[in-house]
PDB file of N, CA and C in Angstrom:
ATOM      1  N   MET A   1       0.867 -54.618  65.000  1.00  0.00           N
ATOM      2  CA  MET A   1       2.230 -54.720  64.499  1.00  0.00           C
ATOM      3  C   MET A   1       2.242 -55.274  63.068  1.00  0.00           C
ATOM      4  N   ILE A   2       1.431 -56.296  62.844  1.00  0.00           N
ATOM      5  CA  ILE A   2       1.382 -56.908  61.519  1.00  0.00           C
ATOM      6  C   ILE A   2       0.802 -55.922  60.501  1.00  0.00           C
ATOM      7  N   LEU A   3      -0.173 -55.144  60.935  1.00  0.00           N
ATOM      8  CA  LEU A   3      -0.775 -54.148  60.047  1.00  0.00           C
ATOM      9  C   LEU A   3       0.261 -53.102  59.612  1.00  0.00           C
ATOM     10  N   ILE A   4       1.118 -52.701  60.527  1.00  0.00           N
ATOM     11  CA  ILE A   4       2.159 -51.730  60.198  1.00  0.00           C
ATOM     12  C   ILE A   4       3.136 -52.321  59.187  1.00  0.00           C
ATOM     13  N   ILE A   5       3.485 -53.591  59.364  1.00  0.00           N
ATOM     14  CA  ILE A   5       4.386 -54.257  58.411  1.00  0.00           C
ATOM     15  C   ILE A   5       3.744 -54.289  57.029  1.00  0.00           C
ATOM     16  N   TYR A   6       2.471 -54.623  56.963  1.00  0.00           N
ATOM     17  CA  TYR A   6       1.777 -54.654  55.674  1.00  0.00           C
ATOM     18  C   TYR A   6       1.673 -53.264  55.043  1.00  0.00           C
ATOM     19  N   LEU A   7       1.408 -52.248  55.853  1.00  0.00           N
ATOM     20  CA  LEU A   7       1.262 -50.897  55.333  1.00  0.00           C
ATOM     21  C   LEU A   7       2.580 -50.325  54.809  1.00  0.00           C
ATOM     22  N   ILE A   8       3.698 -50.788  55.351  1.00  0.00           N
ATOM     23  CA  ILE A   8       4.994 -50.309  54.886  1.00  0.00           C
ATOM     24  C   ILE A   8       5.527 -51.188  53.758  1.00  0.00           C
ATOM     25  N   ALA A   9       5.489 -52.499  53.947  1.00  0.00           N
ATOM     26  CA  ALA A   9       6.114 -53.420  52.997  1.00  0.00           C
ATOM     27  C   ALA A   9       5.308 -53.579  51.705  1.00  0.00           C
ATOM     28  N   GLY A  10       4.004 -53.471  51.760  1.00  0.00           N
ATOM     29  CA  GLY A  10       3.189 -53.635  50.564  1.00  0.00           C
ATOM     30  C   GLY A  10       3.459 -52.580  49.503  1.00  0.00           C
ATOM     31  N   PRO A  11       3.300 -51.303  49.859  1.00  0.00           N
ATOM     32  CA  PRO A  11       3.614 -50.263  48.864  1.00  0.00           C
ATOM     33  C   PRO A  11       5.094 -50.240  48.474  1.00  0.00           C
ATOM     34  N   MET A  12       5.968 -50.545  49.444  1.00  0.00           N
ATOM     35  CA  MET A  12       7.400 -50.583  49.120  1.00  0.00           C
ATOM     36  C   MET A  12       7.689 -51.661  48.081  1.00  0.00           C
ATOM     37  N   PHE A  13       7.015 -52.784  48.183  1.00  0.00           N
ATOM     38  CA  PHE A  13       7.208 -53.858  47.215  1.00  0.00           C
ATOM     39  C   PHE A  13       6.737 -53.429  45.826  1.00  0.00           C
ATOM     40  N   LEU A  14       5.552 -52.844  45.759  1.00  0.00           N
ATOM     41  CA  LEU A  14       5.020 -52.412  44.467  1.00  0.00           C
ATOM     42  C   LEU A  14       5.873 -51.314  43.835  1.00  0.00           C
ATOM     43  N   ILE A  15       6.314 -50.366  44.643  1.00  0.00           N
ATOM     44  CA  ILE A  15       7.141 -49.278  44.123  1.00  0.00           C
ATOM     45  C   ILE A  15       8.498 -49.803  43.662  1.00  0.00           C
ATOM     46  N   SER A  16       9.103 -50.690  44.439  1.00  0.00           N
ATOM     47  CA  SER A  16      10.428 -51.188  44.068  1.00  0.00           C
ATOM     48  C   SER A  16      10.367 -52.096  42.836  1.00  0.00           C
ATOM     49  N   ILE A  17       9.311 -52.866  42.680  1.00  0.00           N
ATOM     50  CA  ILE A  17       9.170 -53.687  41.477  1.00  0.00           C
ATOM     51  C   ILE A  17       8.963 -52.787  40.254  1.00  0.00           C
ATOM     52  N   GLY A  18       8.131 -51.776  40.394  1.00  0.00           N
ATOM     53  CA  GLY A  18       7.933 -50.831  39.300  1.00  0.00           C
ATOM     54  C   GLY A  18       9.216 -50.083  38.945  1.00  0.00           C
ATOM     55  N   ALA A  19       9.963 -49.676  39.966  1.00  0.00           N
ATOM     56  CA  ALA A  19      11.232 -48.989  39.714  1.00  0.00           C
ATOM     57  C   ALA A  19      12.247 -49.923  39.075  1.00  0.00           C
ATOM     58  N   HIS A  20      12.260 -51.176  39.475  1.00  0.00           N
ATOM     59  CA  HIS A  20      13.199 -52.131  38.895  1.00  0.00           C
ATOM     60  C   HIS A  20      12.892 -52.363  37.412  1.00  0.00           C
ATOM     61  N   ILE A  21      11.634 -52.467  37.088  1.00  0.00           N
ATOM     62  CA  ILE A  21      11.251 -52.628  35.680  1.00  0.00           C
ATOM     63  C   ILE A  21      11.621 -51.376  34.893  1.00  0.00           C
ATOM     64  N   TRP A  22      11.388 -50.193  35.472  1.00  0.00           N
ATOM     65  CA  TRP A  22      11.745 -48.952  34.800  1.00  0.00           C
ATOM     66  C   TRP A  22      13.257 -48.875  34.562  1.00  0.00           C
ATOM     67  N   VAL A  23      14.047 -49.278  35.556  1.00  0.00           N
ATOM     68  CA  VAL A  23      15.507 -49.264  35.411  1.00  0.00           C
ATOM     69  C   VAL A  23      15.931 -50.219  34.304  1.00  0.00           C
ATOM     70  N   LYS A  24      15.362 -51.405  34.271  1.00  0.00           N
ATOM     71  CA  LYS A  24      15.746 -52.390  33.265  1.00  0.00           C
ATOM     72  C   LYS A  24      15.366 -51.935  31.850  1.00  0.00           C
ATOM     73  N   VAL A  25      14.267 -51.206  31.714  1.00  0.00           N
ATOM     74  CA  VAL A  25      13.815 -50.791  30.391  1.00  0.00           C
ATOM     75  C   VAL A  25      14.458 -49.470  29.960  1.00  0.00           C
ATOM     76  N   ARG A  26      14.486 -48.485  30.833  1.00  0.00           N
ATOM     77  CA  ARG A  26      14.878 -47.133  30.449  1.00  0.00           C
ATOM     78  C   ARG A  26      16.355 -46.822  30.640  1.00  0.00           C
ATOM     79  N   MET A  27      16.993 -47.362  31.670  1.00  0.00           N
ATOM     80  CA  MET A  27      18.358 -46.951  31.990  1.00  0.00           C
ATOM     81  C   MET A  27      19.427 -47.815  31.338  1.00  0.00           C
ATOM     82  N   ARG A  28      19.043 -48.929  30.747  1.00  0.00           N
ATOM     83  CA  ARG A  28      20.021 -49.790  30.099  1.00  0.00           C
ATOM     84  C   ARG A  28      20.682 -49.044  28.943  1.00  0.00           C
ATOM     85  N   PRO A  29      22.027 -49.064  28.887  1.00  0.00           N
ATOM     86  CA  PRO A  29      22.693 -48.402  27.756  1.00  0.00           C
ATOM     87  C   PRO A  29      22.257 -49.033  26.438  1.00  0.00           C
ATOM     88  N   GLY A  30      21.875 -48.194  25.508  1.00  0.00           N
ATOM     89  CA  GLY A  30      21.338 -48.677  24.241  1.00  0.00           C
ATOM     90  C   GLY A  30      22.402 -48.916  23.192  1.00  0.00           C
ATOM     91  N   ALA A  31      21.943 -49.082  21.970  1.00  0.00           N
ATOM     92  CA  ALA A  31      22.844 -49.356  20.854  1.00  0.00           C
ATOM     93  C   ALA A  31      23.690 -48.143  20.510  1.00  0.00           C
ATOM     94  N   GLU A  32      23.182 -46.951  20.800  1.00  0.00           N
ATOM     95  CA  GLU A  32      23.952 -45.750  20.482  1.00  0.00           C
ATOM     96  C   GLU A  32      25.039 -45.455  21.515  1.00  0.00           C
ATOM     97  N   SER A  33      25.105 -46.256  22.572  1.00  0.00           N
ATOM     98  CA  SER A  33      26.110 -46.063  23.609  1.00  0.00           C
ATOM     99  C   SER A  33      27.486 -46.523  23.121  1.00  0.00           C
ATOM    100  N   ASP A  34      28.522 -45.988  23.737  1.00  0.00           N
ATOM    101  CA  ASP A  34      29.881 -46.390  23.385  1.00  0.00           C
ATOM    102  C   ASP A  34      30.369 -47.543  24.266  1.00  0.00           C
ATOM    103  N   LEU A  35      29.430 -48.324  24.796  1.00  0.00           N
ATOM    104  CA  LEU A  35      29.773 -49.452  25.659  1.00  0.00           C
ATOM    105  C   LEU A  35      30.552 -50.525  24.904  1.00  0.00           C
ATOM    106  N   GLU A  36      30.341 -50.633  23.608  1.00  0.00           N
ATOM    107  CA  GLU A  36      31.040 -51.630  22.797  1.00  0.00           C
ATOM    108  C   GLU A  36      32.541 -51.368  22.739  1.00  0.00           C
ATOM    109  N   GLU A  37      32.944 -50.113  22.954  1.00  0.00           N
ATOM    110  CA  GLU A  37      34.362 -49.780  22.906  1.00  0.00           C
ATOM    111  C   GLU A  37      35.102 -50.203  24.166  1.00  0.00           C
ATOM    112  N   TYR A  38      34.374 -50.516  25.236  1.00  0.00           N
ATOM    113  CA  TYR A  38      34.988 -50.940  26.486  1.00  0.00           C
ATOM    114  C   TYR A  38      35.213 -52.445  26.437  1.00  0.00           C
ATOM    115  N   HIS A  39      36.337 -52.866  26.955  1.00  0.00           N
ATOM    116  CA  HIS A  39      36.602 -54.296  27.063  1.00  0.00           C
ATOM    117  C   HIS A  39      35.657 -54.870  28.111  1.00  0.00           C
ATOM    118  N   TYR A  40      35.230 -56.122  27.952  1.00  0.00           N
ATOM    119  CA  TYR A  40      34.206 -56.677  28.844  1.00  0.00           C
ATOM    120  C   TYR A  40      34.640 -56.703  30.298  1.00  0.00           C
ATOM    121  N   GLU A  41      35.938 -56.739  30.560  1.00  0.00           N
ATOM    122  CA  GLU A  41      36.412 -56.742  31.950  1.00  0.00           C
ATOM    123  C   GLU A  41      36.331 -55.357  32.580  1.00  0.00           C
ATOM    124  N   PHE A  42      36.270 -54.323  31.749  1.00  0.00           N
ATOM    125  CA  PHE A  42      36.255 -52.953  32.258  1.00  0.00           C
ATOM    126  C   PHE A  42      34.953 -52.226  31.955  1.00  0.00           C
ATOM    127  N   GLU A  43      33.915 -52.951  31.589  1.00  0.00           N
ATOM    128  CA  GLU A  43      32.677 -52.272  31.226  1.00  0.00           C
ATOM    129  C   GLU A  43      31.991 -51.642  32.429  1.00  0.00           C
ATOM    130  N   ASP A  44      32.340 -52.058  33.644  1.00  0.00           N
ATOM    131  CA  ASP A  44      31.747 -51.421  34.814  1.00  0.00           C
ATOM    132  C   ASP A  44      32.308 -50.018  35.043  1.00  0.00           C
ATOM    133  N   HIS A  45      33.361 -49.637  34.323  1.00  0.00           N
ATOM    134  CA  HIS A  45      33.899 -48.282  34.402  1.00  0.00           C
ATOM    135  C   HIS A  45      33.141 -47.310  33.500  1.00  0.00           C
ATOM    136  N   HIS A  46      32.311 -47.831  32.623  1.00  0.00           N
ATOM    137  CA  HIS A  46      31.484 -46.983  31.761  1.00  0.00           C
ATOM    138  C   HIS A  46      30.453 -46.283  32.644  1.00  0.00           C
ATOM    139  N   PRO A  47      30.357 -44.950  32.602  1.00  0.00           N
ATOM    140  CA  PRO A  47      29.469 -44.236  33.529  1.00  0.00           C
ATOM    141  C   PRO A  47      27.998 -44.623  33.411  1.00  0.00           C
ATOM    142  N   GLY A  48      27.509 -44.804  32.203  1.00  0.00           N
ATOM    143  CA  GLY A  48      26.104 -45.177  32.031  1.00  0.00           C
ATOM    144  C   GLY A  48      25.811 -46.579  32.523  1.00  0.00           C
ATOM    145  N   TYR A  49      26.724 -47.490  32.242  1.00  0.00           N
ATOM    146  CA  TYR A  49      26.529 -48.873  32.674  1.00  0.00           C
ATOM    147  C   TYR A  49      26.668 -49.000  34.192  1.00  0.00           C
ATOM    148  N   ALA A  50      27.611 -48.250  34.771  1.00  0.00           N
ATOM    149  CA  ALA A  50      27.785 -48.283  36.228  1.00  0.00           C
ATOM    150  C   ALA A  50      26.540 -47.754  36.931  1.00  0.00           C
ATOM    151  N   ARG A  51      25.950 -46.674  36.397  1.00  0.00           N
ATOM    152  CA  ARG A  51      24.721 -46.123  36.977  1.00  0.00           C
ATOM    153  C   ARG A  51      23.569 -47.118  36.844  1.00  0.00           C
ATOM    154  N   TYR A  52      23.471 -47.755  35.696  1.00  0.00           N
ATOM    155  CA  TYR A  52      22.435 -48.766  35.463  1.00  0.00           C
ATOM    156  C   TYR A  52      22.572 -49.931  36.448  1.00  0.00           C
ATOM    157  N   GLU A  53      23.781 -50.433  36.635  1.00  0.00           N
ATOM    158  CA  GLU A  53      24.011 -51.544  37.556  1.00  0.00           C
ATOM    159  C   GLU A  53      23.708 -51.151  38.998  1.00  0.00           C
ATOM    160  N   LYS A  54      24.115 -49.940  39.392  1.00  0.00           N
ATOM    161  CA  LYS A  54      23.867 -49.475  40.758  1.00  0.00           C
ATOM    162  C   LYS A  54      22.377 -49.421  41.052  1.00  0.00           C
ATOM    163  N   TRP A  55      21.599 -48.796  40.166  1.00  0.00           N
ATOM    164  CA  TRP A  55      20.167 -48.666  40.404  1.00  0.00           C
ATOM    165  C   TRP A  55      19.441 -49.997  40.254  1.00  0.00           C
ATOM    166  N   SER A  56      19.960 -50.860  39.416  1.00  0.00           N
ATOM    167  CA  SER A  56      19.368 -52.185  39.291  1.00  0.00           C
ATOM    168  C   SER A  56      19.514 -52.962  40.595  1.00  0.00           C
ATOM    169  N   ARG A  57      20.698 -52.885  41.190  1.00  0.00           N
ATOM    170  CA  ARG A  57      20.910 -53.562  42.483  1.00  0.00           C
ATOM    171  C   ARG A  57      20.064 -52.959  43.589  1.00  0.00           C
ATOM    172  N   ILE A  58      20.003 -51.636  43.650  1.00  0.00           N
ATOM    173  CA  ILE A  58      19.239 -50.967  44.703  1.00  0.00           C
ATOM    174  C   ILE A  58      17.767 -51.356  44.636  1.00  0.00           C
ATOM    175  N   THR A  59      17.174 -51.315  43.453  1.00  0.00           N
ATOM    176  CA  THR A  59      15.754 -51.629  43.334  1.00  0.00           C
ATOM    177  C   THR A  59      15.482 -53.113  43.582  1.00  0.00           C
ATOM    178  N   PHE A  60      16.411 -53.987  43.185  1.00  0.00           N
ATOM    179  CA  PHE A  60      16.215 -55.407  43.428  1.00  0.00           C
ATOM    180  C   PHE A  60      16.303 -55.721  44.915  1.00  0.00           C
ATOM    181  N   VAL A  61      17.262 -55.127  45.606  1.00  0.00           N
ATOM    182  CA  VAL A  61      17.396 -55.354  47.052  1.00  0.00           C
ATOM    183  C   VAL A  61      16.176 -54.816  47.789  1.00  0.00           C
ATOM    184  N   ALA A  62      15.659 -53.667  47.368  1.00  0.00           N
ATOM    185  CA  ALA A  62      14.453 -53.126  48.004  1.00  0.00           C
ATOM    186  C   ALA A  62      13.263 -54.058  47.802  1.00  0.00           C
ATOM    187  N   ALA A  63      13.142 -54.656  46.627  1.00  0.00           N
ATOM    188  CA  ALA A  63      12.051 -55.602  46.372  1.00  0.00           C
ATOM    189  C   ALA A  63      12.209 -56.857  47.224  1.00  0.00           C
ATOM    190  N   VAL A  64      13.424 -57.337  47.378  1.00  0.00           N
ATOM    191  CA  VAL A  64      13.663 -58.536  48.188  1.00  0.00           C
ATOM    192  C   VAL A  64      13.364 -58.259  49.658  1.00  0.00           C
ATOM    193  N   ILE A  65      13.829 -57.130  50.166  1.00  0.00           N
ATOM    194  CA  ILE A  65      13.585 -56.792  51.576  1.00  0.00           C
ATOM    195  C   ILE A  65      12.095 -56.633  51.844  1.00  0.00           C
ATOM    196  N   SER A  66      11.385 -55.959  50.960  1.00  0.00           N
ATOM    197  CA  SER A  66       9.945 -55.788  51.180  1.00  0.00           C
ATOM    198  C   SER A  66       9.199 -57.105  51.050  1.00  0.00           C
ATOM    199  N   ALA A  67       9.632 -57.993  50.150  1.00  0.00           N
ATOM    200  CA  ALA A  67       9.001 -59.309  50.042  1.00  0.00           C
ATOM    201  C   ALA A  67       9.241 -60.122  51.317  1.00  0.00           C
ATOM    202  N   LEU A  68      10.437 -60.032  51.864  1.00  0.00           N
ATOM    203  CA  LEU A  68      10.714 -60.722  53.135  1.00  0.00           C
ATOM    204  C   LEU A  68       9.875 -60.162  54.267  1.00  0.00           C
ATOM    205  N   CYS A  69       9.682 -58.850  54.296  1.00  0.00           N
ATOM    206  CA  CYS A  69       8.824 -58.253  55.317  1.00  0.00           C
ATOM    207  C   CYS A  69       7.378 -58.714  55.168  1.00  0.00           C
ATOM    208  N   LEU A  70       6.906 -58.802  53.941  1.00  0.00           N
ATOM    209  CA  LEU A  70       5.550 -59.321  53.716  1.00  0.00           C
ATOM    210  C   LEU A  70       5.436 -60.778  54.162  1.00  0.00           C
ATOM    211  N   PHE A  71       6.461 -61.557  53.916  1.00  0.00           N
ATOM    212  CA  PHE A  71       6.453 -62.947  54.362  1.00  0.00           C
ATOM    213  C   PHE A  71       6.466 -63.039  55.875  1.00  0.00           C
ATOM    214  N   ILE A  72       7.266 -62.210  56.529  1.00  0.00           N
ATOM    215  CA  ILE A  72       7.297 -62.192  57.998  1.00  0.00           C
ATOM    216  C   ILE A  72       5.920 -61.818  58.544  1.00  0.00           C
ATOM    217  N   GLY A  73       5.285 -60.830  57.918  1.00  0.00           N
ATOM    218  CA  GLY A  73       3.934 -60.462  58.335  1.00  0.00           C
ATOM    219  C   GLY A  73       2.933 -61.586  58.128  1.00  0.00           C
ATOM    220  N   LEU A  74       3.122 -62.387  57.106  1.00  0.00           N
ATOM    221  CA  LEU A  74       2.233 -63.510  56.837  1.00  0.00           C
ATOM    222  C   LEU A  74       2.434 -64.635  57.850  1.00  0.00           C
ATOM    223  N   VAL A  75       3.669 -64.865  58.250  1.00  0.00           N
ATOM    224  CA  VAL A  75       3.971 -65.951  59.167  1.00  0.00           C
ATOM    225  C   VAL A  75       3.492 -65.635  60.576  1.00  0.00           C
ATOM    226  N   PHE A  76       3.635 -64.379  60.995  1.00  0.00           N
ATOM    227  CA  PHE A  76       3.218 -64.012  62.346  1.00  0.00           C
ATOM    228  C   PHE A  76       1.820 -63.588  62.304  1.00  0.00           C
TER     229      PHE A  76
END
């Protein structure tokens, strides 16, 4: 059982950390974006920023879940 947890959670952790770094570097709206024209309270309505935030959350949650699974495998 522990081996299965390690075989699933280990690669999932590495992939999600790599994806999170890729999202933070590549998907962040750059200087050429029109994000500056949005008021700070409504910047989540900007399509590029909303996509960036969504994928940032997804990859971070996947990294947290896989880290917790690795910890559970370590404890048991």
